[in-house]
Amino acid sequence: VSLGAMPIYRFGTDEQQARWLPKLLSGEALAGFGLTEPGTGS
């Protein structure tokens, strides 16, 4: 929710929201948030 679907809800275009949110909000699909890297944590 907070890392997967929320970025698309907060910042996505209408098209991105229409494509991804229905499946993410139903639990039919999951999403990840790729921020942390092997050499850059905090």
All heavy atoms as atom14 arrays in JSON, in Angstrom:
{
  "sequence": "VSLGAMPIYRFGTDEQQARWLPKLLSGEALAGFGLTEPGTGS",
  "atom14_mask": [
    [1, 1, 1, 1, 1, 1, 1, 0, 0, 0, 0, 0, 0, 0],
    [1, 1, 1, 1, 1, 1, 0, 0, 0, 0, 0, 0, 0, 0],
    [1, 1, 1, 1, 1, 1, 1, 1, 0, 0, 0, 0, 0, 0],
    [1, 1, 1, 1, 0, 0, 0, 0, 0, 0, 0, 0, 0, 0],
    [1, 1, 1, 1, 1, 0, 0, 0, 0, 0, 0, 0, 0, 0],
    [1, 1, 1, 1, 1, 1, 1, 1, 0, 0, 0, 0, 0, 0],
    [1, 1, 1, 1, 1, 1, 1, 0, 0, 0, 0, 0, 0, 0],
    [1, 1, 1, 1, 1, 1, 1, 1, 0, 0, 0, 0, 0, 0],
    [1, 1, 1, 1, 1, 1, 1, 1, 1, 1, 1, 1, 0, 0],
    [1, 1, 1, 1, 1, 1, 1, 1, 1, 1, 1, 0, 0, 0],
    [1, 1, 1, 1, 1, 1, 1, 1, 1, 1, 1, 0, 0, 0],
    [1, 1, 1, 1, 0, 0, 0, 0, 0, 0, 0, 0, 0, 0],
    [1, 1, 1, 1, 1, 1, 1, 0, 0, 0, 0, 0, 0, 0],
    [1, 1, 1, 1, 1, 1, 1, 1, 0, 0, 0, 0, 0, 0],
    [1, 1, 1, 1, 1, 1, 1, 1, 1, 0, 0, 0, 0, 0],
    [1, 1, 1, 1, 1, 1, 1, 1, 1, 0, 0, 0, 0, 0],
    [1, 1, 1, 1, 1, 1, 1, 1, 1, 0, 0, 0, 0, 0],
    [1, 1, 1, 1, 1, 0, 0, 0, 0, 0, 0, 0, 0, 0],
    [1, 1, 1, 1, 1, 1, 1, 1, 1, 1, 1, 0, 0, 0],
    [1, 1, 1, 1, 1, 1, 1, 1, 1, 1, 1, 1, 1, 1],
    [1, 1, 1, 1, 1, 1, 1, 1, 0, 0, 0, 0, 0, 0],
    [1, 1, 1, 1, 1, 1, 1, 0, 0, 0, 0, 0, 0, 0],
    [1, 1, 1, 1, 1, 1, 1, 1, 1, 0, 0, 0, 0, 0],
    [1, 1, 1, 1, 1, 1, 1, 1, 0, 0, 0, 0, 0, 0],
    [1, 1, 1, 1, 1, 1, 1, 1, 0, 0, 0, 0, 0, 0],
    [1, 1, 1, 1, 1, 1, 0, 0, 0, 0, 0, 0, 0, 0],
    [1, 1, 1, 1, 0, 0, 0, 0, 0, 0, 0, 0, 0, 0],
    [1, 1, 1, 1, 1, 1, 1, 1, 1, 0, 0, 0, 0, 0],
    [1, 1, 1, 1, 1, 0, 0, 0, 0, 0, 0, 0, 0, 0],
    [1, 1, 1, 1, 1, 1, 1, 1, 0, 0, 0, 0, 0, 0],
    [1, 1, 1, 1, 1, 0, 0, 0, 0, 0, 0, 0, 0, 0],
    [1, 1, 1, 1, 0, 0, 0, 0, 0, 0, 0, 0, 0, 0],
    [1, 1, 1, 1, 1, 1, 1, 1, 1, 1, 1, 0, 0, 0],
    [1, 1, 1, 1, 0, 0, 0, 0, 0, 0, 0, 0, 0, 0],
    [1, 1, 1, 1, 1, 1, 1, 1, 0, 0, 0, 0, 0, 0],
    [1, 1, 1, 1, 1, 1, 1, 0, 0, 0, 0, 0, 0, 0],
    [1, 1, 1, 1, 1, 1, 1, 1, 1, 0, 0, 0, 0, 0],
    [1, 1, 1, 1, 1, 1, 1, 0, 0, 0, 0, 0, 0, 0],
    [1, 1, 1, 1, 0, 0, 0, 0, 0, 0, 0, 0, 0, 0],
    [1, 1, 1, 1, 1, 1, 1, 0, 0, 0, 0, 0, 0, 0],
    [1, 1, 1, 1, 0, 0, 0, 0, 0, 0, 0, 0, 0, 0],
    [1, 1, 1, 1, 1, 1, 0, 0, 0, 0, 0, 0, 0, 0]
  ],
  "atom14_positions": [
    [[0.82, -1.21, 0.0], [0.0, 0.0, 0.0], [0.86, 1.26, 0.0], [0.81, 2.08, -0.93], [-0.96, 0.0, 1.21], [-1.73, 1.32, 1.27], [-1.92, -1.17, 1.12], [0.0, 0.0, 0.0], [0.0, 0.0, 0.0], [0.0, 0.0, 0.0], [0.0, 0.0, 0.0], [0.0, 0.0, 0.0], [0.0, 0.0, 0.0], [0.0, 0.0, 0.0]],
    [[1.68, 1.44, 1.04], [2.38, 2.72, 1.2], [3.55, 2.89, 0.24], [3.89, 4.01, -0.15], [2.86, 2.89, 2.64], [3.88, 1.97, 2.96], [0.0, 0.0, 0.0], [0.0, 0.0, 0.0], [0.0, 0.0, 0.0], [0.0, 0.0, 0.0], [0.0, 0.0, 0.0], [0.0, 0.0, 0.0], [0.0, 0.0, 0.0], [0.0, 0.0, 0.0]],
    [[4.18, 1.79, -0.17], [5.31, 1.88, -1.08], [4.96, 1.45, -2.5], [5.6, 1.89, -3.46], [6.48, 1.01, -0.58], [7.04, 1.36, 0.79], [8.19, 0.4, 1.13], [7.52, 2.79, 0.84], [0.0, 0.0, 0.0], [0.0, 0.0, 0.0], [0.0, 0.0, 0.0], [0.0, 0.0, 0.0], [0.0, 0.0, 0.0], [0.0, 0.0, 0.0]],
    [[3.96, 0.58, -2.65], [3.61, 0.08, -3.96], [2.56, 0.91, -4.68], [2.83, 1.51, -5.73], [0.0, 0.0, 0.0], [0.0, 0.0, 0.0], [0.0, 0.0, 0.0], [0.0, 0.0, 0.0], [0.0, 0.0, 0.0], [0.0, 0.0, 0.0], [0.0, 0.0, 0.0], [0.0, 0.0, 0.0], [0.0, 0.0, 0.0], [0.0, 0.0, 0.0]],
    [[1.37, 0.96, -4.1], [0.26, 1.66, -4.76], [0.26, 3.16, -4.51], [-0.14, 3.94, -5.38], [-1.07, 1.05, -4.29], [0.0, 0.0, 0.0], [0.0, 0.0, 0.0], [0.0, 0.0, 0.0], [0.0, 0.0, 0.0], [0.0, 0.0, 0.0], [0.0, 0.0, 0.0], [0.0, 0.0, 0.0], [0.0, 0.0, 0.0], [0.0, 0.0, 0.0]],
    [[0.71, 3.59, -3.33], [0.59, 5.0, -2.96], [1.34, 5.95, -3.91], [0.81, 7.01, -4.26], [1.04, 5.22, -1.52], [0.68, 6.58, -0.95], [-1.13, 6.89, -0.92], [-1.63, 5.83, 0.45], [0.0, 0.0, 0.0], [0.0, 0.0, 0.0], [0.0, 0.0, 0.0], [0.0, 0.0, 0.0], [0.0, 0.0, 0.0], [0.0, 0.0, 0.0]],
    [[2.57, 5.61, -4.35], [3.25, 6.52, -5.29], [2.45, 6.74, -6.58], [2.42, 7.86, -7.11], [4.58, 5.82, -5.57], [4.83, 5.0, -4.36], [3.47, 4.52, -3.94], [0.0, 0.0, 0.0], [0.0, 0.0, 0.0], [0.0, 0.0, 0.0], [0.0, 0.0, 0.0], [0.0, 0.0, 0.0], [0.0, 0.0, 0.0], [0.0, 0.0, 0.0]],
    [[1.81, 5.68, -7.07], [1.02, 5.82, -8.3], [-0.22, 6.66, -8.04], [-0.63, 7.49, -8.86], [0.66, 4.43, -8.87], [1.95, 3.71, -9.29], [-0.29, 4.55, -10.05], [1.74, 2.29, -9.75], [0.0, 0.0, 0.0], [0.0, 0.0, 0.0], [0.0, 0.0, 0.0], [0.0, 0.0, 0.0], [0.0, 0.0, 0.0], [0.0, 0.0, 0.0]],
    [[-0.82, 6.47, -6.88], [-1.99, 7.28, -6.52], [-1.6, 8.75, -6.32], [-2.3, 9.66, -6.77], [-2.63, 6.73, -5.25], [-3.7, 7.63, -4.68], [-4.89, 7.87, -5.37], [-3.51, 8.26, -3.45], [-5.86, 8.72, -4.85], [-4.47, 9.1, -2.92], [-5.64, 9.33, -3.62], [-6.59, 10.17, -3.11], [0.0, 0.0, 0.0], [0.0, 0.0, 0.0]],
    [[-0.49, 8.99, -5.65], [-0.07, 10.36, -5.34], [0.43, 11.11, -6.57], [0.14, 12.29, -6.75], [1.04, 10.34, -4.29], [0.66, 9.86, -2.91], [-0.04, 10.92, -2.14], [-0.3, 10.48, -0.77], [-1.35, 10.87, -0.06], [-2.24, 11.7, -0.61], [-1.53, 10.44, 1.17], [0.0, 0.0, 0.0], [0.0, 0.0, 0.0], [0.0, 0.0, 0.0]],
    [[1.18, 10.42, -7.42], [1.92, 11.14, -8.47], [1.63, 10.67, -9.89], [2.11, 11.28, -10.84], [3.43, 11.0, -8.2], [3.84, 11.28, -6.79], [4.37, 10.28, -5.99], [3.65, 12.54, -6.23], [4.74, 10.53, -4.68], [4.01, 12.8, -4.92], [4.56, 11.79, -4.13], [0.0, 0.0, 0.0], [0.0, 0.0, 0.0], [0.0, 0.0, 0.0]],
    [[0.85, 9.6, -10.05], [0.62, 9.04, -11.37], [-0.34, 9.85, -12.23], [-1.18, 10.61, -11.73], [0.0, 0.0, 0.0], [0.0, 0.0, 0.0], [0.0, 0.0, 0.0], [0.0, 0.0, 0.0], [0.0, 0.0, 0.0], [0.0, 0.0, 0.0], [0.0, 0.0, 0.0], [0.0, 0.0, 0.0], [0.0, 0.0, 0.0], [0.0, 0.0, 0.0]],
    [[-0.21, 9.67, -13.54], [-1.16, 10.28, -14.47], [-2.47, 9.5, -14.42], [-2.56, 8.4, -13.86], [-0.6, 10.22, -15.9], [-0.47, 8.84, -16.29], [0.74, 10.92, -16.0], [0.0, 0.0, 0.0], [0.0, 0.0, 0.0], [0.0, 0.0, 0.0], [0.0, 0.0, 0.0], [0.0, 0.0, 0.0], [0.0, 0.0, 0.0], [0.0, 0.0, 0.0]],
    [[-3.51, 10.05, -15.03], [-4.78, 9.35, -15.1], [-4.61, 7.99, -15.76], [-5.21, 6.99, -15.33], [-5.81, 10.18, -15.87], [-6.23, 11.44, -15.12], [-5.99, 11.51, -13.9], [-6.79, 12.35, -15.77], [0.0, 0.0, 0.0], [0.0, 0.0, 0.0], [0.0, 0.0, 0.0], [0.0, 0.0, 0.0], [0.0, 0.0, 0.0], [0.0, 0.0, 0.0]],
    [[-3.81, 7.96, -16.81], [-3.58, 6.7, -17.53], [-2.85, 5.68, -16.66], [-3.22, 4.49, -16.64], [-2.76, 6.97, -18.8], [-2.5, 5.72, -19.63], [-1.68, 6.02, -20.87], [-1.41, 7.21, -21.16], [-1.31, 5.05, -21.57], [0.0, 0.0, 0.0], [0.0, 0.0, 0.0], [0.0, 0.0, 0.0], [0.0, 0.0, 0.0], [0.0, 0.0, 0.0]],
    [[-1.83, 6.12, -15.94], [-1.1, 5.21, -15.05], [-2.0, 4.69, -13.93], [-1.97, 3.5, -13.6], [0.12, 5.93, -14.47], [1.2, 6.2, -15.49], [2.27, 7.16, -14.96], [2.07, 7.87, -13.97], [3.41, 7.19, -15.65], [0.0, 0.0, 0.0], [0.0, 0.0, 0.0], [0.0, 0.0, 0.0], [0.0, 0.0, 0.0], [0.0, 0.0, 0.0]],
    [[-2.81, 5.57, -13.38], [-3.71, 5.15, -12.32], [-4.75, 4.15, -12.82], [-5.03, 3.14, -12.16], [-4.4, 6.37, -11.71], [-3.46, 7.28, -10.93], [-4.15, 8.54, -10.44], [-5.27, 8.84, -10.84], [-3.47, 9.3, -9.59], [0.0, 0.0, 0.0], [0.0, 0.0, 0.0], [0.0, 0.0, 0.0], [0.0, 0.0, 0.0], [0.0, 0.0, 0.0]],
    [[-5.28, 4.42, -14.0], [-6.29, 3.52, -14.57], [-5.7, 2.15, -14.89], [-6.37, 1.12, -14.76], [-6.9, 4.14, -15.83], [0.0, 0.0, 0.0], [0.0, 0.0, 0.0], [0.0, 0.0, 0.0], [0.0, 0.0, 0.0], [0.0, 0.0, 0.0], [0.0, 0.0, 0.0], [0.0, 0.0, 0.0], [0.0, 0.0, 0.0], [0.0, 0.0, 0.0]],
    [[-4.45, 2.14, -15.29], [-3.81, 0.87, -15.66], [-3.44, 0.02, -14.45], [-3.66, -1.2, -14.46], [-2.55, 1.14, -16.49], [-1.8, -0.14, -16.88], [-0.55, 0.17, -17.68], [0.17, -1.05, -18.01], [1.34, -1.11, -18.64], [1.93, 0.02, -19.02], [1.93, -2.26, -18.88], [0.0, 0.0, 0.0], [0.0, 0.0, 0.0], [0.0, 0.0, 0.0]],
    [[-2.9, 0.65, -13.4], [-2.31, -0.11, -12.31], [-3.14, -0.19, -11.04], [-3.13, -1.23, -10.37], [-0.93, 0.47, -11.97], [0.05, 0.44, -13.08], [0.58, 1.51, -13.76], [0.66, -0.72, -13.67], [1.46, 1.1, -14.72], [1.54, -0.27, -14.7], [0.54, -2.09, -13.45], [2.3, -1.14, -15.47], [1.29, -2.97, -14.22], [2.15, -2.49, -15.22]],
    [[-3.83, 0.87, -10.68], [-4.47, 0.9, -9.36], [-5.55, -0.16, -9.14], [-5.6, -0.75, -8.05], [-5.04, 2.3, -9.08], [-4.01, 3.39, -8.75], [-4.7, 4.7, -8.42], [-3.09, 2.95, -7.61], [0.0, 0.0, 0.0], [0.0, 0.0, 0.0], [0.0, 0.0, 0.0], [0.0, 0.0, 0.0], [0.0, 0.0, 0.0], [0.0, 0.0, 0.0]],
    [[-6.43, -0.44, -10.11], [-7.46, -1.45, -9.83], [-6.9, -2.79, -9.36], [-7.41, -3.37, -8.39], [-8.19, -1.58, -11.17], [-8.02, -0.23, -11.8], [-6.63, 0.2, -11.43], [0.0, 0.0, 0.0], [0.0, 0.0, 0.0], [0.0, 0.0, 0.0], [0.0, 0.0, 0.0], [0.0, 0.0, 0.0], [0.0, 0.0, 0.0], [0.0, 0.0, 0.0]],
    [[-5.85, -3.27, -9.99], [-5.26, -4.55, -9.58], [-4.51, -4.44, -8.26], [-4.54, -5.37, -7.44], [-4.31, -5.06, -10.67], [-5.02, -5.51, -11.95], [-4.03, -6.08, -12.94], [-4.74, -6.57, -14.2], [-3.79, -7.16, -15.18], [0.0, 0.0, 0.0], [0.0, 0.0, 0.0], [0.0, 0.0, 0.0], [0.0, 0.0, 0.0], [0.0, 0.0, 0.0]],
    [[-3.84, -3.31, -8.04], [-3.09, -3.14, -6.8], [-4.01, -2.98, -5.61], [-3.74, -3.51, -4.52], [-2.16, -1.93, -6.91], [-1.05, -2.01, -7.97], [-0.24, -0.72, -7.99], [-0.13, -3.21, -7.73], [0.0, 0.0, 0.0], [0.0, 0.0, 0.0], [0.0, 0.0, 0.0], [0.0, 0.0, 0.0], [0.0, 0.0, 0.0], [0.0, 0.0, 0.0]],
    [[-5.09, -2.27, -5.77], [-5.99, -2.0, -4.65], [-6.87, -3.19, -4.32], [-7.43, -3.28, -3.21], [-6.86, -0.78, -4.93], [-6.13, 0.52, -5.29], [-7.07, 1.71, -5.2], [-4.92, 0.73, -4.4], [0.0, 0.0, 0.0], [0.0, 0.0, 0.0], [0.0, 0.0, 0.0], [0.0, 0.0, 0.0], [0.0, 0.0, 0.0], [0.0, 0.0, 0.0]],
    [[-7.01, -4.11, -5.25], [-7.79, -5.33, -4.98], [-6.94, -6.44, -4.41], [-7.45, -7.47, -3.96], [-8.45, -5.81, -6.28], [-7.46, -6.29, -7.19], [0.0, 0.0, 0.0], [0.0, 0.0, 0.0], [0.0, 0.0, 0.0], [0.0, 0.0, 0.0], [0.0, 0.0, 0.0], [0.0, 0.0, 0.0], [0.0, 0.0, 0.0], [0.0, 0.0, 0.0]],
    [[-5.61, -6.26, -4.42], [-4.71, -7.31, -3.96], [-4.44, -8.35, -5.02], [-3.72, -9.32, -4.77], [0.0, 0.0, 0.0], [0.0, 0.0, 0.0], [0.0, 0.0, 0.0], [0.0, 0.0, 0.0], [0.0, 0.0, 0.0], [0.0, 0.0, 0.0], [0.0, 0.0, 0.0], [0.0, 0.0, 0.0], [0.0, 0.0, 0.0], [0.0, 0.0, 0.0]],
    [[-4.99, -8.15, -6.2], [-4.73, -9.07, -7.3], [-3.28, -9.0, -7.75], [-2.71, -9.98, -8.25], [-5.65, -8.74, -8.47], [-5.52, -9.65, -9.68], [-6.43, -9.25, -10.82], [-7.35, -8.43, -10.6], [-6.23, -9.76, -11.94], [0.0, 0.0, 0.0], [0.0, 0.0, 0.0], [0.0, 0.0, 0.0], [0.0, 0.0, 0.0], [0.0, 0.0, 0.0]],
    [[-2.66, -7.83, -7.58], [-1.26, -7.63, -7.94], [-0.57, -6.84, -6.83], [-1.21, -6.15, -6.03], [-1.16, -6.88, -9.26], [0.0, 0.0, 0.0], [0.0, 0.0, 0.0], [0.0, 0.0, 0.0], [0.0, 0.0, 0.0], [0.0, 0.0, 0.0], [0.0, 0.0, 0.0], [0.0, 0.0, 0.0], [0.0, 0.0, 0.0], [0.0, 0.0, 0.0]],
    [[0.76, -6.98, -6.79], [1.58, -6.24, -5.84], [2.59, -5.38, -6.59], [2.87, -5.63, -7.76], [2.34, -7.21, -4.92], [1.5, -8.14, -4.04], [2.4, -9.11, -3.29], [0.63, -7.35, -3.07], [0.0, 0.0, 0.0], [0.0, 0.0, 0.0], [0.0, 0.0, 0.0], [0.0, 0.0, 0.0], [0.0, 0.0, 0.0], [0.0, 0.0, 0.0]],
    [[3.13, -4.38, -5.92], [4.15, -3.53, -6.51], [5.24, -3.26, -5.48], [4.97, -3.23, -4.27], [3.55, -2.21, -6.99], [0.0, 0.0, 0.0], [0.0, 0.0, 0.0], [0.0, 0.0, 0.0], [0.0, 0.0, 0.0], [0.0, 0.0, 0.0], [0.0, 0.0, 0.0], [0.0, 0.0, 0.0], [0.0, 0.0, 0.0], [0.0, 0.0, 0.0]],
    [[6.46, -3.08, -5.96], [7.58, -2.75, -5.09], [8.02, -1.32, -5.31], [7.64, -0.67, -6.29], [0.0, 0.0, 0.0], [0.0, 0.0, 0.0], [0.0, 0.0, 0.0], [0.0, 0.0, 0.0], [0.0, 0.0, 0.0], [0.0, 0.0, 0.0], [0.0, 0.0, 0.0], [0.0, 0.0, 0.0], [0.0, 0.0, 0.0], [0.0, 0.0, 0.0]],
    [[8.86, -0.83, -4.4], [9.39, 0.52, -4.48], [10.9, 0.44, -4.43], [11.5, 0.16, -3.38], [8.86, 1.37, -3.31], [9.2, 2.83, -3.39], [8.68, 3.64, -4.39], [10.05, 3.4, -2.44], [9.0, 4.99, -4.45], [10.36, 4.76, -2.49], [9.84, 5.56, -3.5], [0.0, 0.0, 0.0], [0.0, 0.0, 0.0], [0.0, 0.0, 0.0]],
    [[11.57, 0.64, -5.56], [13.01, 0.47, -5.67], [13.78, 1.73, -5.34], [14.09, 2.53, -6.25], [0.0, 0.0, 0.0], [0.0, 0.0, 0.0], [0.0, 0.0, 0.0], [0.0, 0.0, 0.0], [0.0, 0.0, 0.0], [0.0, 0.0, 0.0], [0.0, 0.0, 0.0], [0.0, 0.0, 0.0], [0.0, 0.0, 0.0], [0.0, 0.0, 0.0]],
    [[14.11, 1.93, -4.1], [14.86, 3.08, -3.64], [16.26, 2.69, -3.18], [17.26, 3.17, -3.7], [14.11, 3.8, -2.51], [14.86, 4.93, -1.79], [15.19, 6.04, -2.76], [14.02, 5.45, -0.63], [0.0, 0.0, 0.0], [0.0, 0.0, 0.0], [0.0, 0.0, 0.0], [0.0, 0.0, 0.0], [0.0, 0.0, 0.0], [0.0, 0.0, 0.0]],
    [[16.33, 1.8, -2.19], [17.61, 1.42, -1.61], [18.51, 0.71, -2.62], [18.03, -0.09, -3.42], [17.38, 0.5, -0.39], [16.55, 1.18, 0.55], [18.7, 0.15, 0.27], [0.0, 0.0, 0.0], [0.0, 0.0, 0.0], [0.0, 0.0, 0.0], [0.0, 0.0, 0.0], [0.0, 0.0, 0.0], [0.0, 0.0, 0.0], [0.0, 0.0, 0.0]],
    [[19.8, 0.99, -2.54], [20.78, 0.35, -3.41], [21.87, -0.31, -2.57], [22.03, 0.02, -1.39], [21.4, 1.38, -4.37], [20.37, 2.01, -5.3], [20.98, 2.92, -6.35], [22.22, 3.12, -6.31], [20.24, 3.41, -7.21], [0.0, 0.0, 0.0], [0.0, 0.0, 0.0], [0.0, 0.0, 0.0], [0.0, 0.0, 0.0], [0.0, 0.0, 0.0]],
    [[22.62, -1.26, -3.15], [23.65, -1.95, -2.37], [24.64, -1.02, -1.7], [25.12, -1.3, -0.6], [24.33, -2.83, -3.43], [23.27, -3.09, -4.44], [22.48, -1.82, -4.5], [0.0, 0.0, 0.0], [0.0, 0.0, 0.0], [0.0, 0.0, 0.0], [0.0, 0.0, 0.0], [0.0, 0.0, 0.0], [0.0, 0.0, 0.0], [0.0, 0.0, 0.0]],
    [[24.96, 0.11, -2.33], [25.93, 1.03, -1.75], [25.35, 2.3, -1.18], [26.08, 3.17, -0.7], [0.0, 0.0, 0.0], [0.0, 0.0, 0.0], [0.0, 0.0, 0.0], [0.0, 0.0, 0.0], [0.0, 0.0, 0.0], [0.0, 0.0, 0.0], [0.0, 0.0, 0.0], [0.0, 0.0, 0.0], [0.0, 0.0, 0.0], [0.0, 0.0, 0.0]],
    [[24.03, 2.44, -1.21], [23.38, 3.65, -0.69], [22.14, 3.26, 0.09], [21.09, 2.99, -0.47], [22.98, 4.6, -1.83], [22.1, 3.92, -2.73], [24.19, 5.06, -2.59], [0.0, 0.0, 0.0], [0.0, 0.0, 0.0], [0.0, 0.0, 0.0], [0.0, 0.0, 0.0], [0.0, 0.0, 0.0], [0.0, 0.0, 0.0], [0.0, 0.0, 0.0]],
    [[22.28, 3.22, 1.4], [21.15, 2.9, 2.27], [20.49, 4.16, 2.76], [19.6, 4.73, 2.13], [0.0, 0.0, 0.0], [0.0, 0.0, 0.0], [0.0, 0.0, 0.0], [0.0, 0.0, 0.0], [0.0, 0.0, 0.0], [0.0, 0.0, 0.0], [0.0, 0.0, 0.0], [0.0, 0.0, 0.0], [0.0, 0.0, 0.0], [0.0, 0.0, 0.0]],
    [[20.97, 4.67, 3.91], [20.4, 5.91, 4.46], [20.64, 7.11, 3.56], [19.87, 8.07, 3.56], [20.99, 6.17, 5.85], [20.66, 5.13, 6.74], [0.0, 0.0, 0.0], [0.0, 0.0, 0.0], [0.0, 0.0, 0.0], [0.0, 0.0, 0.0], [0.0, 0.0, 0.0], [0.0, 0.0, 0.0], [0.0, 0.0, 0.0], [0.0, 0.0, 0.0]]
  ]
}
